[in-house]
Amino acid sequence: MSTALSDDDVVLARFGRSARPGDVVLVRWPARPDQLSVKRAVRPEGALWWVEGDNPFGSTDSRTLGPAEVVAVVTRRLWPRPRRL
């Protein structure tokens, strides 16, 4: 699978929106509370979510850090090529 986003992309995120499997989401890790990451939601794990990067060989995600808190759902890439995600 090719990645949905690249470094320096500008996105629109909806805070307070419920995540669904397959959504691109902004997450916070309990083990790293100061770090925000953009990942793909896979499945709920209690109050948290199991999330994975689109590039399994170059991504730090739930396989390493465990479930994450979903902060927002990313709905659109605004720049450089605007489109829905």
Protein backbone atom coordinates (compact mmCIF):
# COMPACT_ATOMS: atom_id res chain seq x y z
CA MET A 1 0.00 0.00 0.00
CA SER A 2 1.35 3.45 -0.82
CA THR A 3 1.24 6.04 1.91
CA ALA A 4 -1.73 8.42 2.03
CA LEU A 5 0.39 11.37 3.18
CA SER A 6 3.94 12.63 2.77
CA ASP A 7 6.15 14.84 4.90
CA ASP A 8 5.09 18.50 4.70
CA ASP A 9 1.51 17.73 3.60
CA VAL A 10 -1.05 20.07 5.15
CA VAL A 11 -4.20 18.31 6.38
CA LEU A 12 -7.59 19.14 7.86
CA ALA A 13 -8.37 17.24 11.07
CA ARG A 14 -11.79 17.03 12.76
CA PHE A 15 -11.56 17.01 16.55
CA GLY A 16 -14.37 15.22 18.40
CA ARG A 17 -15.23 13.02 15.42
CA SER A 18 -15.49 9.28 16.09
CA ALA A 19 -12.89 7.16 14.31
CA ARG A 20 -13.78 4.15 12.18
CA PRO A 21 -11.48 1.38 10.98
CA GLY A 22 -9.61 2.61 7.90
CA ASP A 23 -9.70 6.31 8.89
CA VAL A 24 -6.51 8.35 8.89
CA VAL A 25 -6.23 9.67 12.45
CA LEU A 26 -4.14 11.97 14.63
CA VAL A 27 -3.05 10.00 17.71
CA ARG A 28 -1.25 10.44 21.03
CA TRP A 29 0.69 7.55 22.57
CA PRO A 30 0.38 6.85 26.34
CA ALA A 31 4.11 5.97 26.32
CA ARG A 32 4.96 9.26 24.53
CA PRO A 33 2.35 11.84 25.64
CA ASP A 34 4.15 14.79 24.01
CA GLN A 35 4.24 13.17 20.55
CA LEU A 36 1.43 13.35 17.99
CA SER A 37 1.42 11.02 14.99
CA VAL A 38 -0.75 10.47 11.94
CA LYS A 39 -1.66 6.81 11.42
CA ARG A 40 -4.46 4.62 10.06
CA ALA A 41 -7.04 3.29 12.56
CA VAL A 42 -7.27 -0.50 12.46
CA ARG A 43 -9.51 -1.53 15.37
CA PRO A 44 -10.67 -0.28 18.77
CA GLU A 45 -8.80 -1.64 21.80
CA GLY A 46 -11.02 -0.65 24.73
CA ALA A 47 -10.90 3.16 25.01
CA LEU A 48 -7.86 3.32 22.69
CA TRP A 49 -7.19 2.31 19.09
CA TRP A 50 -4.79 -0.07 17.41
CA VAL A 51 -3.23 2.06 14.66
CA GLU A 52 -0.70 1.26 11.96
CA GLY A 53 1.29 3.26 9.46
CA ASP A 54 0.71 2.74 5.75
CA ASN A 55 4.38 1.73 5.39
CA PRO A 56 4.85 -1.28 7.69
CA PHE A 57 8.64 -1.30 7.20
CA GLY A 58 9.22 2.36 8.06
CA SER A 59 6.59 3.18 10.65
CA THR A 60 6.54 3.26 14.44
CA ASP A 61 2.98 2.39 15.39
CA SER A 62 0.90 0.14 17.65
CA ARG A 63 3.09 -2.84 16.77
CA THR A 64 5.83 -1.08 18.76
CA LEU A 65 4.03 1.33 21.13
CA GLY A 66 0.70 -0.41 21.73
CA PRO A 67 -2.76 1.19 21.35
CA ALA A 68 -3.05 4.98 20.99
CA GLU A 69 -5.57 7.66 21.89
CA VAL A 70 -7.31 9.09 18.81
CA VAL A 71 -7.23 12.88 19.07
CA ALA A 72 -8.81 13.74 15.69
CA VAL A 73 -9.81 12.22 12.35
CA VAL A 74 -7.96 13.54 9.31
CA THR A 75 -10.51 14.20 6.58
CA ARG A 76 -8.63 16.04 3.81
CA ARG A 77 -5.22 16.83 2.47
CA LEU A 78 -5.22 20.58 1.74
CA TRP A 79 -1.77 20.92 0.21
CA PRO A 80 0.02 20.14 -2.10
CA ARG A 81 -2.64 18.08 -3.93
CA PRO A 82 -6.02 18.70 -2.26
CA ARG A 83 -8.20 15.60 -1.91
CA ARG A 84 -10.31 13.60 0.52
CA LEU A 85 -8.60 10.87 2.50
